[in-house]
Amino acid sequence: MPLRQIIMHNFWLKLVSLGLASLIWLGVRYQIQSDYGVNQPRSSRPVFRKTVKVRVSTIIKPGDGRAYRVSPSDVMVVLLAEESVLSRVFPTDVMVYVDLTDFNPRKPTMELHSHARSDVIVGDIQPANVTVEQISP
């Protein structure tokens, strides 16, 4: 079948489908952009700081029976957001963790990672690294 015949067969149906797909794509793109624009502080909006104390969590491989001691077990986290958002943020809305899935006892100092609500930015974690000790085989 020649290319011209493939294109021209049901041409109007194909054109309408392309138009509808474009409208759906634009709608989804606009919604994503507006969601991110509302949740993230803009430079024109005042950004405030709040420091909270958070317990360090550990991530291990499933079935890993070893026990670990993390020192320090609590860290201070600086959160950045609009004032109205910070007034509704609690330490439980922020997660600080150390990934022990590839733990090496010869390198006990590990970097902390964080996760917070989408409308809050984690500015700083003090200390940024923790010492991990394997306490049981």
C-alpha atoms as a PDB file:
ATOM      1  CA  MET A   1       0.000   0.000   0.000  1.00  0.00           C
ATOM      2  CA  PRO A   2       1.545   3.360  -0.961  1.00  0.00           C
ATOM      3  CA  LEU A   3       2.312   5.959   1.720  1.00  0.00           C
ATOM      4  CA  ARG A   4      -0.137   8.474   0.217  1.00  0.00           C
ATOM      5  CA  GLN A   5      -2.999   5.994   0.491  1.00  0.00           C
ATOM      6  CA  ILE A   6      -2.053   5.174   4.119  1.00  0.00           C
ATOM      7  CA  ILE A   7      -2.143   8.877   5.041  1.00  0.00           C
ATOM      8  CA  MET A   8      -5.306   9.766   3.104  1.00  0.00           C
ATOM      9  CA  HIS A   9      -7.369   6.764   4.299  1.00  0.00           C
ATOM     10  CA  ASN A  10      -9.637   8.115   7.095  1.00  0.00           C
ATOM     11  CA  PHE A  11      -7.714  11.411   6.978  1.00  0.00           C
ATOM     12  CA  TRP A  12     -10.316  13.442   8.930  1.00  0.00           C
ATOM     13  CA  LEU A  13     -10.542  10.805  11.652  1.00  0.00           C
ATOM     14  CA  LYS A  14      -6.760  10.854  12.021  1.00  0.00           C
ATOM     15  CA  LEU A  15      -6.727  14.665  12.114  1.00  0.00           C
ATOM     16  CA  VAL A  16      -9.417  14.798  14.832  1.00  0.00           C
ATOM     17  CA  SER A  17      -7.547  12.153  16.859  1.00  0.00           C
ATOM     18  CA  LEU A  18      -4.329  14.152  16.605  1.00  0.00           C
ATOM     19  CA  GLY A  19      -6.149  17.306  17.739  1.00  0.00           C
ATOM     20  CA  LEU A  20      -7.731  15.563  20.749  1.00  0.00           C
ATOM     21  CA  ALA A  21      -4.413  13.988  21.748  1.00  0.00           C
ATOM     22  CA  SER A  22      -2.755  17.417  21.582  1.00  0.00           C
ATOM     23  CA  LEU A  23      -5.476  18.961  23.768  1.00  0.00           C
ATOM     24  CA  ILE A  24      -5.139  16.204  26.368  1.00  0.00           C
ATOM     25  CA  TRP A  25      -1.340  16.560  26.385  1.00  0.00           C
ATOM     26  CA  LEU A  26      -1.552  20.338  26.816  1.00  0.00           C
ATOM     27  CA  GLY A  27      -4.083  19.963  29.641  1.00  0.00           C
ATOM     28  CA  VAL A  28      -1.937  17.490  31.545  1.00  0.00           C
ATOM     29  CA  ARG A  29       1.181  19.617  30.997  1.00  0.00           C
ATOM     30  CA  TYR A  30      -0.581  22.755  32.234  1.00  0.00           C
ATOM     31  CA  GLN A  31      -1.873  20.935  35.330  1.00  0.00           C
ATOM     32  CA  ILE A  32       1.592  19.618  36.202  1.00  0.00           C
ATOM     33  CA  GLN A  33       3.142  23.062  35.791  1.00  0.00           C
ATOM     34  CA  SER A  34       0.476  24.736  37.918  1.00  0.00           C
ATOM     35  CA  ASP A  35       0.838  22.089  40.653  1.00  0.00           C
ATOM     36  CA  TYR A  36       4.588  22.617  40.877  1.00  0.00           C
ATOM     37  CA  GLY A  37       4.231  26.383  40.687  1.00  0.00           C
ATOM     38  CA  VAL A  38       1.850  26.464  43.669  1.00  0.00           C
ATOM     39  CA  ASN A  39       3.762  24.032  45.864  1.00  0.00           C
ATOM     40  CA  GLN A  40       7.275  25.388  45.486  1.00  0.00           C
ATOM     41  CA  PRO A  41       8.232  28.729  46.937  1.00  0.00           C
ATOM     42  CA  ARG A  42       8.912  31.358  44.291  1.00  0.00           C
ATOM     43  CA  SER A  43      11.544  34.023  44.598  1.00  0.00           C
ATOM     44  CA  SER A  44       8.810  36.680  44.822  1.00  0.00           C
ATOM     45  CA  ARG A  45       7.259  34.976  47.844  1.00  0.00           C
ATOM     46  CA  PRO A  46       8.997  35.314  51.219  1.00  0.00           C
ATOM     47  CA  VAL A  47      10.728  32.112  52.301  1.00  0.00           C
ATOM     48  CA  PHE A  48      10.964  31.297  55.992  1.00  0.00           C
ATOM     49  CA  ARG A  49      13.142  28.833  57.894  1.00  0.00           C
ATOM     50  CA  LYS A  50      12.190  26.343  60.540  1.00  0.00           C
ATOM     51  CA  THR A  51      14.552  23.952  62.325  1.00  0.00           C
ATOM     52  CA  VAL A  52      13.194  20.617  63.514  1.00  0.00           C
ATOM     53  CA  LYS A  53      14.766  17.634  65.240  1.00  0.00           C
ATOM     54  CA  VAL A  54      14.259  14.408  63.275  1.00  0.00           C
ATOM     55  CA  ARG A  55      15.170  10.799  64.082  1.00  0.00           C
ATOM     56  CA  VAL A  56      17.379   9.073  61.501  1.00  0.00           C
ATOM     57  CA  SER A  57      15.760   6.057  59.821  1.00  0.00           C
ATOM     58  CA  THR A  58      17.596   3.199  58.125  1.00  0.00           C
ATOM     59  CA  ILE A  59      16.921   1.488  54.828  1.00  0.00           C
ATOM     60  CA  ILE A  60      18.142  -2.105  54.556  1.00  0.00           C
ATOM     61  CA  LYS A  61      17.719  -4.935  52.082  1.00  0.00           C
ATOM     62  CA  PRO A  62      14.693  -7.185  52.612  1.00  0.00           C
ATOM     63  CA  GLY A  63      15.670 -10.182  54.702  1.00  0.00           C
ATOM     64  CA  ASP A  64      18.796  -8.535  56.099  1.00  0.00           C
ATOM     65  CA  GLY A  65      18.878  -9.762  59.706  1.00  0.00           C
ATOM     66  CA  ARG A  66      21.763  -7.573  60.815  1.00  0.00           C
ATOM     67  CA  ALA A  67      21.247  -4.843  63.383  1.00  0.00           C
ATOM     68  CA  TYR A  68      22.887  -1.428  63.132  1.00  0.00           C
ATOM     69  CA  ARG A  69      23.568   1.471  65.469  1.00  0.00           C
ATOM     70  CA  VAL A  70      23.443   4.947  63.915  1.00  0.00           C
ATOM     71  CA  SER A  71      25.246   7.749  65.679  1.00  0.00           C
ATOM     72  CA  PRO A  72      23.879  10.368  66.134  1.00  0.00           C
ATOM     73  CA  SER A  73      20.354   9.004  66.059  1.00  0.00           C
ATOM     74  CA  ASP A  74      18.735  12.462  65.821  1.00  0.00           C
ATOM     75  CA  VAL A  75      19.675  15.334  63.493  1.00  0.00           C
ATOM     76  CA  MET A  76      18.623  18.940  63.044  1.00  0.00           C
ATOM     77  CA  VAL A  77      16.914  19.729  59.734  1.00  0.00           C
ATOM     78  CA  VAL A  78      16.393  23.228  58.343  1.00  0.00           C
ATOM     79  CA  LEU A  79      13.158  23.504  56.356  1.00  0.00           C
ATOM     80  CA  LEU A  80      12.386  26.287  53.885  1.00  0.00           C
ATOM     81  CA  ALA A  81       8.862  27.255  52.834  1.00  0.00           C
ATOM     82  CA  GLU A  82       6.235  29.937  53.047  1.00  0.00           C
ATOM     83  CA  GLU A  83       5.217  30.963  56.554  1.00  0.00           C
ATOM     84  CA  SER A  84       1.698  29.535  56.223  1.00  0.00           C
ATOM     85  CA  VAL A  85       3.146  26.181  55.159  1.00  0.00           C
ATOM     86  CA  LEU A  86       5.780  26.050  57.914  1.00  0.00           C
ATOM     87  CA  SER A  87       3.155  26.630  60.577  1.00  0.00           C
ATOM     88  CA  ARG A  88       1.546  23.332  59.499  1.00  0.00           C
ATOM     89  CA  VAL A  89       4.782  21.292  59.206  1.00  0.00           C
ATOM     90  CA  PHE A  90       5.666  18.773  61.900  1.00  0.00           C
ATOM     91  CA  PRO A  91       8.822  16.662  62.342  1.00  0.00           C
ATOM     92  CA  THR A  92       6.823  13.639  61.158  1.00  0.00           C
ATOM     93  CA  ASP A  93       6.412  15.326  57.745  1.00  0.00           C
ATOM     94  CA  VAL A  94      10.166  15.041  57.169  1.00  0.00           C
ATOM     95  CA  MET A  95      12.123  11.821  56.786  1.00  0.00           C
ATOM     96  CA  VAL A  96      15.897  11.624  57.164  1.00  0.00           C
ATOM     97  CA  TYR A  97      17.433   8.256  56.373  1.00  0.00           C
ATOM     98  CA  VAL A  98      20.685   6.436  55.742  1.00  0.00           C
ATOM     99  CA  ASP A  99      20.759   3.808  52.979  1.00  0.00           C
ATOM    100  CA  LEU A 100      22.421   0.635  54.316  1.00  0.00           C
ATOM    101  CA  THR A 101      21.651  -1.623  51.356  1.00  0.00           C
ATOM    102  CA  ASP A 102      25.329  -1.586  50.358  1.00  0.00           C
ATOM    103  CA  PHE A 103      26.857  -1.079  53.819  1.00  0.00           C
ATOM    104  CA  ASN A 104      30.612  -1.581  54.070  1.00  0.00           C
ATOM    105  CA  PRO A 105      31.954  -1.928  57.652  1.00  0.00           C
ATOM    106  CA  ARG A 106      35.288  -0.495  56.488  1.00  0.00           C
ATOM    107  CA  LYS A 107      33.556   2.802  55.614  1.00  0.00           C
ATOM    108  CA  PRO A 108      31.284   3.451  58.606  1.00  0.00           C
ATOM    109  CA  THR A 109      30.620   7.128  57.809  1.00  0.00           C
ATOM    110  CA  MET A 110      27.598   7.473  55.557  1.00  0.00           C
ATOM    111  CA  GLU A 111      25.693  10.363  54.029  1.00  0.00           C
ATOM    112  CA  LEU A 112      22.154  11.204  55.082  1.00  0.00           C
ATOM    113  CA  HIS A 113      19.299  11.597  52.621  1.00  0.00           C
ATOM    114  CA  SER A 114      16.004  13.378  53.160  1.00  0.00           C
ATOM    115  CA  HIS A 115      12.434  13.429  51.947  1.00  0.00           C
ATOM    116  CA  ALA A 116       9.820  16.058  52.793  1.00  0.00           C
ATOM    117  CA  ARG A 117       6.399  17.221  51.693  1.00  0.00           C
ATOM    118  CA  SER A 118       6.244  18.662  48.193  1.00  0.00           C
ATOM    119  CA  ASP A 119       5.653  22.214  49.442  1.00  0.00           C
ATOM    120  CA  VAL A 120       8.716  22.183  51.732  1.00  0.00           C
ATOM    121  CA  ILE A 121      12.400  22.297  50.795  1.00  0.00           C
ATOM    122  CA  VAL A 122      15.035  20.646  52.989  1.00  0.00           C
ATOM    123  CA  GLY A 123      17.721  23.314  53.254  1.00  0.00           C
ATOM    124  CA  ASP A 124      20.296  21.678  55.491  1.00  0.00           C
ATOM    125  CA  ILE A 125      20.880  18.617  57.667  1.00  0.00           C
ATOM    126  CA  GLN A 126      23.265  18.873  60.628  1.00  0.00           C
ATOM    127  CA  PRO A 127      25.259  16.707  60.801  1.00  0.00           C
ATOM    128  CA  ALA A 128      25.168  15.670  57.132  1.00  0.00           C
ATOM    129  CA  ASN A 129      26.913  12.341  57.822  1.00  0.00           C
ATOM    130  CA  VAL A 130      26.427   9.671  60.462  1.00  0.00           C
ATOM    131  CA  THR A 131      28.557   6.818  61.752  1.00  0.00           C
ATOM    132  CA  VAL A 132      27.049   3.366  61.332  1.00  0.00           C
ATOM    133  CA  GLU A 133      28.107   0.382  63.403  1.00  0.00           C
ATOM    134  CA  GLN A 134      26.965  -3.174  62.774  1.00  0.00           C
ATOM    135  CA  ILE A 135      26.050  -4.572  66.197  1.00  0.00           C
ATOM    136  CA  SER A 136      24.905  -8.073  65.252  1.00  0.00           C
ATOM    137  CA  PRO A 137      25.892 -10.446  62.477  1.00  0.00           C
END
